[in-house]
Amino acid sequence: RTTARADEDLYDIYLPLIRHEQQLGLGLALRKETLRRQGVLRSAKLRDPGPSLNADDLLELQRLFDRLVLKLKAANYLIPEGLDS
């Protein structure tokens, strides 16, 4: 694979998560939860009146992580810390 092609392939793998994190209203909460799982943040809590993620939101995010990990493994990429449960 050429470098540009490999870069595009990796971007395509991450695109569902990138799009999910851009949701109006929940985007910041989703990004902070991703960073918390990776050990970058201690808490994903937002200041009021910021949104909080409910159980369904967290389950959907976990499903995206699971799919991301499967695609990264299939393409022989490293798995980011905290995303492989």
Protein backbone atom coordinates (compact mmCIF):
# COMPACT_ATOMS: atom_id res chain seq x y z
CA ARG A 1 0.00 0.00 0.00
CA THR A 2 1.15 3.48 -0.72
CA THR A 3 1.38 5.89 2.19
CA ALA A 4 -1.55 7.96 0.93
CA ARG A 5 -3.66 4.84 0.41
CA ALA A 6 -2.78 3.49 3.85
CA ASP A 7 -3.68 6.84 5.40
CA GLU A 8 -7.03 6.85 3.62
CA ASP A 9 -7.72 3.25 4.66
CA LEU A 10 -7.01 4.09 8.31
CA TYR A 11 -9.23 7.17 8.09
CA ASP A 12 -12.04 5.02 6.66
CA ILE A 13 -11.73 2.66 9.63
CA TYR A 14 -12.08 5.54 12.11
CA LEU A 15 -14.78 7.42 10.18
CA PRO A 16 -17.82 5.87 11.95
CA LEU A 17 -16.41 6.92 15.33
CA ILE A 18 -15.46 10.37 14.03
CA ARG A 19 -18.99 10.89 12.68
CA HIS A 20 -20.58 9.59 15.89
CA GLU A 21 -18.56 12.07 17.96
CA GLN A 22 -19.86 14.97 15.83
CA GLN A 23 -23.47 14.57 16.96
CA LEU A 24 -25.11 17.82 17.89
CA GLY A 25 -25.57 17.94 21.64
CA LEU A 26 -23.74 14.73 22.57
CA GLY A 27 -20.49 15.16 20.66
CA LEU A 28 -18.39 16.60 23.48
CA ALA A 29 -19.66 14.01 25.96
CA LEU A 30 -18.80 11.23 23.49
CA ARG A 31 -15.30 12.59 22.83
CA LYS A 32 -14.62 12.98 26.54
CA GLU A 33 -15.78 9.40 27.21
CA THR A 34 -13.45 8.14 24.47
CA LEU A 35 -10.55 10.07 26.03
CA ARG A 36 -11.47 8.76 29.51
CA ARG A 37 -11.36 5.17 28.28
CA GLN A 38 -7.94 5.81 26.77
CA GLY A 39 -6.64 7.13 30.09
CA VAL A 40 -6.26 10.72 28.87
CA LEU A 41 -8.99 12.10 31.17
CA ARG A 42 -9.94 10.99 34.68
CA SER A 43 -13.58 11.89 34.17
CA ALA A 44 -15.87 12.38 31.19
CA LYS A 45 -18.25 14.59 33.18
CA LEU A 46 -19.24 17.88 31.60
CA ARG A 47 -20.10 21.03 33.47
CA ASP A 48 -23.79 21.86 33.68
CA PRO A 49 -25.77 22.29 31.51
CA GLY A 50 -23.70 19.90 29.41
CA PRO A 51 -25.22 16.58 28.36
CA SER A 52 -24.48 13.28 30.04
CA LEU A 53 -24.44 9.90 28.36
CA ASN A 54 -27.09 7.37 29.35
CA ALA A 55 -26.75 3.58 29.29
CA ASP A 56 -27.92 3.38 25.66
CA ASP A 57 -25.38 6.01 24.58
CA LEU A 58 -22.57 4.12 26.32
CA LEU A 59 -23.67 0.81 24.78
CA GLU A 60 -23.74 2.35 21.31
CA LEU A 61 -20.28 3.84 21.85
CA GLN A 62 -18.97 0.45 23.02
CA ARG A 63 -20.37 -1.20 19.89
CA LEU A 64 -18.53 1.37 17.77
CA PHE A 65 -15.32 0.64 19.68
CA ASP A 66 -15.82 -3.10 19.20
CA ARG A 67 -16.28 -2.66 15.44
CA LEU A 68 -13.30 -0.30 15.30
CA VAL A 69 -11.07 -2.82 17.08
CA LEU A 70 -12.13 -5.64 14.73
CA LYS A 71 -11.36 -3.52 11.66
CA LEU A 72 -8.02 -2.35 13.07
CA LYS A 73 -7.00 -5.94 13.86
CA ALA A 74 -8.07 -7.14 10.41
CA ALA A 75 -5.90 -4.43 8.83
CA ASN A 76 -2.96 -5.15 11.18
CA TYR A 77 -3.06 -1.74 12.90
CA LEU A 78 -2.28 -1.15 16.56
CA ILE A 79 -5.24 -0.94 18.91
CA PRO A 80 -5.41 2.28 20.95
CA GLU A 81 -5.19 1.74 24.69
CA GLY A 82 -8.56 1.54 26.39
CA LEU A 83 -10.59 0.64 23.32
CA ASP A 84 -9.99 -3.12 23.36
CA SER A 85 -12.26 -4.46 26.09
